Amino acid sequence: MMSRTGEGRLIAWGLAATLLAANAAGYVFDLYAAFWWFDRLLHAATILALTFWLAVFFLGEGIREGRTVLFVLLVAATGVALGALWEVAEWMFDHFASGDVIKGKDDTVIDIVMDTIGAAAAAALAHRFRPDAARLATAPGDPHRRSRPAPQEAARAADDRRLPHQGTP
């Protein structure tokens, strides 16, 4: 059986590859023009894939265990920020390359809404595959379960990190 973090990495790579192919196909086969919903779906799904990938590989270990709300908000905010950057890139393309990517304010707002939906979905998925979520989901006797240090041990370890280490006498 694969660990949750291993599964998360596999899913992250699978989503990233699938959405890269879907975005390329959208341009090559002009799917954006053929289907009105394609752009909307791709905005949500691409932000989900990118945000989940970042969460699994970079954000998962950055927040202490037990800080679920902070973790979910950080992942979702990362996705929304990626969506905003994408909208700036679309604007720049239209501005400097005489493209026709932006179809108006409504298109931009709908794109941001879809990006936000993708970011929220990525946050929920990332929480499911977060390493401490995997630990908490295992049984107490499971050899893969990581144990949390007792509060006094955690405090002592924190104190040891703050104090300058001195040589032994």
C-alpha atoms as a PDB file:
ATOM      1  CA  MET A   1       0.000   0.000   0.000  1.00  0.00           C
ATOM      2  CA  MET A   2       1.337   3.431  -0.949  1.00  0.00           C
ATOM      3  CA  SER A   3       1.617   6.120   1.697  1.00  0.00           C
ATOM      4  CA  ARG A   4      -0.628   9.150   1.476  1.00  0.00           C
ATOM      5  CA  THR A   5       2.310  11.371   0.646  1.00  0.00           C
ATOM      6  CA  GLY A   6       3.429   8.950  -2.075  1.00  0.00           C
ATOM      7  CA  GLU A   7      -0.088   8.848  -3.471  1.00  0.00           C
ATOM      8  CA  GLY A   8      -0.268  12.634  -3.308  1.00  0.00           C
ATOM      9  CA  ARG A   9       2.935  12.963  -5.327  1.00  0.00           C
ATOM     10  CA  LEU A  10       1.679  10.495  -7.918  1.00  0.00           C
ATOM     11  CA  ILE A  11      -1.625  12.362  -8.210  1.00  0.00           C
ATOM     12  CA  ALA A  12       0.179  15.723  -8.381  1.00  0.00           C
ATOM     13  CA  TRP A  13       2.369  14.592 -11.283  1.00  0.00           C
ATOM     14  CA  GLY A  14      -0.601  12.958 -13.019  1.00  0.00           C
ATOM     15  CA  LEU A  15      -2.719  16.088 -12.762  1.00  0.00           C
ATOM     16  CA  ALA A  16       0.131  18.321 -13.919  1.00  0.00           C
ATOM     17  CA  ALA A  17       0.845  16.153 -16.968  1.00  0.00           C
ATOM     18  CA  THR A  18      -2.838  15.806 -17.857  1.00  0.00           C
ATOM     19  CA  LEU A  19      -3.517  19.524 -17.608  1.00  0.00           C
ATOM     20  CA  LEU A  20      -0.377  20.416 -19.541  1.00  0.00           C
ATOM     21  CA  ALA A  21      -1.625  18.146 -22.342  1.00  0.00           C
ATOM     22  CA  ALA A  22      -5.166  19.570 -22.103  1.00  0.00           C
ATOM     23  CA  ASN A  23      -3.897  23.161 -22.340  1.00  0.00           C
ATOM     24  CA  ALA A  24      -1.698  22.293 -25.322  1.00  0.00           C
ATOM     25  CA  ALA A  25      -4.616  20.491 -27.004  1.00  0.00           C
ATOM     26  CA  GLY A  26      -6.807  23.530 -26.392  1.00  0.00           C
ATOM     27  CA  TYR A  27      -4.480  25.691 -28.452  1.00  0.00           C
ATOM     28  CA  VAL A  28      -3.524  23.116 -31.101  1.00  0.00           C
ATOM     29  CA  PHE A  29      -7.106  21.997 -31.821  1.00  0.00           C
ATOM     30  CA  ASP A  30      -8.720  25.391 -31.104  1.00  0.00           C
ATOM     31  CA  LEU A  31     -10.883  23.883 -28.373  1.00  0.00           C
ATOM     32  CA  TYR A  32     -11.239  27.269 -26.708  1.00  0.00           C
ATOM     33  CA  ALA A  33     -13.241  28.485 -29.702  1.00  0.00           C
ATOM     34  CA  ALA A  34     -15.075  25.187 -30.264  1.00  0.00           C
ATOM     35  CA  PHE A  35     -16.463  24.843 -26.724  1.00  0.00           C
ATOM     36  CA  TRP A  36     -17.561  27.857 -24.642  1.00  0.00           C
ATOM     37  CA  TRP A  37     -16.915  25.975 -21.393  1.00  0.00           C
ATOM     38  CA  PHE A  38     -13.392  24.783 -22.229  1.00  0.00           C
ATOM     39  CA  ASP A  39     -11.641  27.935 -20.983  1.00  0.00           C
ATOM     40  CA  ARG A  40     -13.606  27.882 -17.736  1.00  0.00           C
ATOM     41  CA  LEU A  41     -12.955  24.224 -17.081  1.00  0.00           C
ATOM     42  CA  LEU A  42      -9.269  24.591 -17.883  1.00  0.00           C
ATOM     43  CA  HIS A  43      -8.881  27.577 -15.554  1.00  0.00           C
ATOM     44  CA  ALA A  44     -10.266  25.630 -12.587  1.00  0.00           C
ATOM     45  CA  ALA A  45      -8.489  22.374 -13.425  1.00  0.00           C
ATOM     46  CA  THR A  46      -5.114  23.942 -14.222  1.00  0.00           C
ATOM     47  CA  ILE A  47      -5.061  25.979 -11.023  1.00  0.00           C
ATOM     48  CA  LEU A  48      -6.087  22.852  -9.108  1.00  0.00           C
ATOM     49  CA  ALA A  49      -3.207  20.890 -10.673  1.00  0.00           C
ATOM     50  CA  LEU A  50      -0.549  23.599 -10.197  1.00  0.00           C
ATOM     51  CA  THR A  51      -1.620  24.447  -6.666  1.00  0.00           C
ATOM     52  CA  PHE A  52      -1.872  20.817  -5.585  1.00  0.00           C
ATOM     53  CA  TRP A  53       1.575  20.126  -7.045  1.00  0.00           C
ATOM     54  CA  LEU A  54       3.057  23.060  -5.118  1.00  0.00           C
ATOM     55  CA  ALA A  55       1.272  22.010  -1.934  1.00  0.00           C
ATOM     56  CA  VAL A  56       2.498  18.431  -2.129  1.00  0.00           C
ATOM     57  CA  PHE A  57       6.090  19.265  -2.980  1.00  0.00           C
ATOM     58  CA  PHE A  58       6.678  22.581  -1.189  1.00  0.00           C
ATOM     59  CA  LEU A  59       3.912  23.716   1.161  1.00  0.00           C
ATOM     60  CA  GLY A  60       3.110  20.464   2.983  1.00  0.00           C
ATOM     61  CA  GLU A  61       6.010  20.573   5.415  1.00  0.00           C
ATOM     62  CA  GLY A  62       6.055  24.354   5.875  1.00  0.00           C
ATOM     63  CA  ILE A  63       3.166  24.527   8.348  1.00  0.00           C
ATOM     64  CA  ARG A  64       3.307  22.824  11.743  1.00  0.00           C
ATOM     65  CA  GLU A  65       1.107  19.836  12.432  1.00  0.00           C
ATOM     66  CA  GLY A  66      -2.307  20.711  13.736  1.00  0.00           C
ATOM     67  CA  ARG A  67      -2.474  24.007  11.845  1.00  0.00           C
ATOM     68  CA  THR A  68      -5.074  22.706   9.419  1.00  0.00           C
ATOM     69  CA  VAL A  69      -6.921  25.965   8.825  1.00  0.00           C
ATOM     70  CA  LEU A  70      -3.665  27.835   8.204  1.00  0.00           C
ATOM     71  CA  PHE A  71      -2.480  25.124   5.811  1.00  0.00           C
ATOM     72  CA  VAL A  72      -5.740  25.081   3.830  1.00  0.00           C
ATOM     73  CA  LEU A  73      -5.835  28.891   3.635  1.00  0.00           C
ATOM     74  CA  LEU A  74      -2.189  29.044   2.511  1.00  0.00           C
ATOM     75  CA  VAL A  75      -2.779  26.497  -0.251  1.00  0.00           C
ATOM     76  CA  ALA A  76      -5.983  28.201  -1.423  1.00  0.00           C
ATOM     77  CA  ALA A  77      -4.321  31.643  -1.377  1.00  0.00           C
ATOM     78  CA  THR A  78      -1.417  30.253  -3.392  1.00  0.00           C
ATOM     79  CA  GLY A  79      -3.874  29.037  -6.026  1.00  0.00           C
ATOM     80  CA  VAL A  80      -5.717  32.345  -6.160  1.00  0.00           C
ATOM     81  CA  ALA A  81      -2.374  34.148  -6.540  1.00  0.00           C
ATOM     82  CA  LEU A  82      -1.397  31.810  -9.386  1.00  0.00           C
ATOM     83  CA  GLY A  83      -4.717  32.596 -11.076  1.00  0.00           C
ATOM     84  CA  ALA A  84      -4.125  36.323 -10.714  1.00  0.00           C
ATOM     85  CA  LEU A  85      -0.648  35.967 -12.209  1.00  0.00           C
ATOM     86  CA  TRP A  86      -2.144  34.004 -15.093  1.00  0.00           C
ATOM     87  CA  GLU A  87      -4.612  36.834 -15.761  1.00  0.00           C
ATOM     88  CA  VAL A  88      -1.727  39.321 -15.807  1.00  0.00           C
ATOM     89  CA  ALA A  89       0.091  37.054 -18.285  1.00  0.00           C
ATOM     90  CA  GLU A  90      -3.013  36.985 -20.501  1.00  0.00           C
ATOM     91  CA  TRP A  91      -3.230  40.765 -20.371  1.00  0.00           C
ATOM     92  CA  MET A  92       0.469  41.097 -21.254  1.00  0.00           C
ATOM     93  CA  PHE A  93       0.054  38.711 -24.164  1.00  0.00           C
ATOM     94  CA  ASP A  94      -2.867  40.724 -25.499  1.00  0.00           C
ATOM     95  CA  HIS A  95      -1.053  44.003 -24.902  1.00  0.00           C
ATOM     96  CA  PHE A  96       2.336  43.138 -26.367  1.00  0.00           C
ATOM     97  CA  ALA A  97       1.622  40.352 -28.866  1.00  0.00           C
ATOM     98  CA  SER A  98      -1.675  41.592 -30.296  1.00  0.00           C
ATOM     99  CA  GLY A  99      -3.399  38.445 -29.106  1.00  0.00           C
ATOM    100  CA  ASP A 100      -7.067  37.966 -28.444  1.00  0.00           C
ATOM    101  CA  VAL A 101      -6.933  36.063 -25.162  1.00  0.00           C
ATOM    102  CA  ILE A 102      -8.941  38.424 -22.961  1.00  0.00           C
ATOM    103  CA  LYS A 103     -12.540  38.743 -24.076  1.00  0.00           C
ATOM    104  CA  GLY A 104     -13.438  41.549 -21.643  1.00  0.00           C
ATOM    105  CA  LYS A 105     -14.014  42.168 -17.953  1.00  0.00           C
ATOM    106  CA  ASP A 106     -16.612  39.420 -17.633  1.00  0.00           C
ATOM    107  CA  ASP A 107     -14.158  36.882 -19.042  1.00  0.00           C
ATOM    108  CA  THR A 108     -11.484  37.984 -16.575  1.00  0.00           C
ATOM    109  CA  VAL A 109     -13.839  37.861 -13.585  1.00  0.00           C
ATOM    110  CA  ILE A 110     -15.187  34.431 -14.570  1.00  0.00           C
ATOM    111  CA  ASP A 111     -11.598  33.205 -14.990  1.00  0.00           C
ATOM    112  CA  ILE A 112     -10.747  34.422 -11.484  1.00  0.00           C
ATOM    113  CA  VAL A 113     -13.853  32.736 -10.056  1.00  0.00           C
ATOM    114  CA  MET A 114     -12.896  29.475 -11.779  1.00  0.00           C
ATOM    115  CA  ASP A 115      -9.306  29.851 -10.528  1.00  0.00           C
ATOM    116  CA  THR A 116     -10.657  30.285  -6.997  1.00  0.00           C
ATOM    117  CA  ILE A 117     -12.766  27.124  -7.329  1.00  0.00           C
ATOM    118  CA  GLY A 118      -9.680  25.244  -8.506  1.00  0.00           C
ATOM    119  CA  ALA A 119      -7.627  26.677  -5.632  1.00  0.00           C
ATOM    120  CA  ALA A 120     -10.240  25.625  -3.050  1.00  0.00           C
ATOM    121  CA  ALA A 121     -10.372  22.117  -4.536  1.00  0.00           C
ATOM    122  CA  ALA A 122      -6.567  21.918  -4.443  1.00  0.00           C
ATOM    123  CA  ALA A 123      -6.557  22.991  -0.776  1.00  0.00           C
ATOM    124  CA  ALA A 124      -9.066  20.268   0.120  1.00  0.00           C
ATOM    125  CA  LEU A 125      -7.106  17.650  -1.832  1.00  0.00           C
ATOM    126  CA  ALA A 126      -3.778  18.811  -0.386  1.00  0.00           C
ATOM    127  CA  HIS A 127      -5.175  18.544   3.128  1.00  0.00           C
ATOM    128  CA  ARG A 128      -6.182  14.946   2.429  1.00  0.00           C
ATOM    129  CA  PHE A 129      -2.619  14.085   1.361  1.00  0.00           C
ATOM    130  CA  ARG A 130      -0.749  16.191   3.899  1.00  0.00           C
ATOM    131  CA  PRO A 131       1.904  14.181   5.761  1.00  0.00           C
ATOM    132  CA  ASP A 132       0.457  14.871   9.230  1.00  0.00           C
ATOM    133  CA  ALA A 133      -3.015  13.967   7.950  1.00  0.00           C
ATOM    134  CA  ALA A 134      -1.537  10.633   6.898  1.00  0.00           C
ATOM    135  CA  ARG A 135      -0.063  10.132  10.360  1.00  0.00           C
ATOM    136  CA  LEU A 136      -3.303  11.005  12.099  1.00  0.00           C
ATOM    137  CA  ALA A 137      -5.241   8.600   9.879  1.00  0.00           C
ATOM    138  CA  THR A 138      -3.162   5.564  10.869  1.00  0.00           C
ATOM    139  CA  ALA A 139      -3.868   3.348  13.823  1.00  0.00           C
ATOM    140  CA  PRO A 140      -1.820   3.855  17.030  1.00  0.00           C
ATOM    141  CA  GLY A 141       0.000   0.505  16.577  1.00  0.00           C
ATOM    142  CA  ASP A 142       0.773   1.088  12.891  1.00  0.00           C
ATOM    143  CA  PRO A 143       4.562   1.085  12.322  1.00  0.00           C
ATOM    144  CA  HIS A 144       4.178   3.933   9.781  1.00  0.00           C
ATOM    145  CA  ARG A 145       2.566   6.214  12.374  1.00  0.00           C
ATOM    146  CA  ARG A 146       4.788   9.067  13.469  1.00  0.00           C
ATOM    147  CA  SER A 147       4.435   9.899  17.104  1.00  0.00           C
ATOM    148  CA  ARG A 148       4.104  13.452  18.281  1.00  0.00           C
ATOM    149  CA  PRO A 149       6.562  14.332  21.063  1.00  0.00           C
ATOM    150  CA  ALA A 150       5.110  15.020  24.474  1.00  0.00           C
ATOM    151  CA  PRO A 151       4.639  18.769  25.152  1.00  0.00           C
ATOM    152  CA  GLN A 152       7.543  18.939  27.609  1.00  0.00           C
ATOM    153  CA  GLU A 153       9.850  17.166  25.109  1.00  0.00           C
ATOM    154  CA  ALA A 154       8.833  19.558  22.335  1.00  0.00           C
ATOM    155  CA  ALA A 155       9.472  22.556  24.601  1.00  0.00           C
ATOM    156  CA  ARG A 156      12.876  21.165  25.608  1.00  0.00           C
ATOM    157  CA  ALA A 157      13.827  20.622  21.951  1.00  0.00           C
ATOM    158  CA  ALA A 158      12.766  24.189  21.139  1.00  0.00           C
ATOM    159  CA  ASP A 159      14.869  25.511  24.029  1.00  0.00           C
ATOM    160  CA  ASP A 160      17.860  23.479  22.833  1.00  0.00           C
ATOM    161  CA  ARG A 161      17.570  25.064  19.383  1.00  0.00           C
ATOM    162  CA  ARG A 162      17.513  28.566  20.869  1.00  0.00           C
ATOM    163  CA  LEU A 163      20.484  28.145  23.211  1.00  0.00           C
ATOM    164  CA  PRO A 164      23.996  28.411  21.758  1.00  0.00           C
ATOM    165  CA  HIS A 165      25.603  25.004  21.917  1.00  0.00           C
ATOM    166  CA  GLN A 166      28.624  24.857  24.120  1.00  0.00           C
ATOM    167  CA  GLY A 167      31.290  22.227  24.113  1.00  0.00           C
ATOM    168  CA  THR A 168      31.263  19.592  26.838  1.00  0.00           C
ATOM    169  CA  PRO A 169      33.641  20.245  29.766  1.00  0.00           C
END
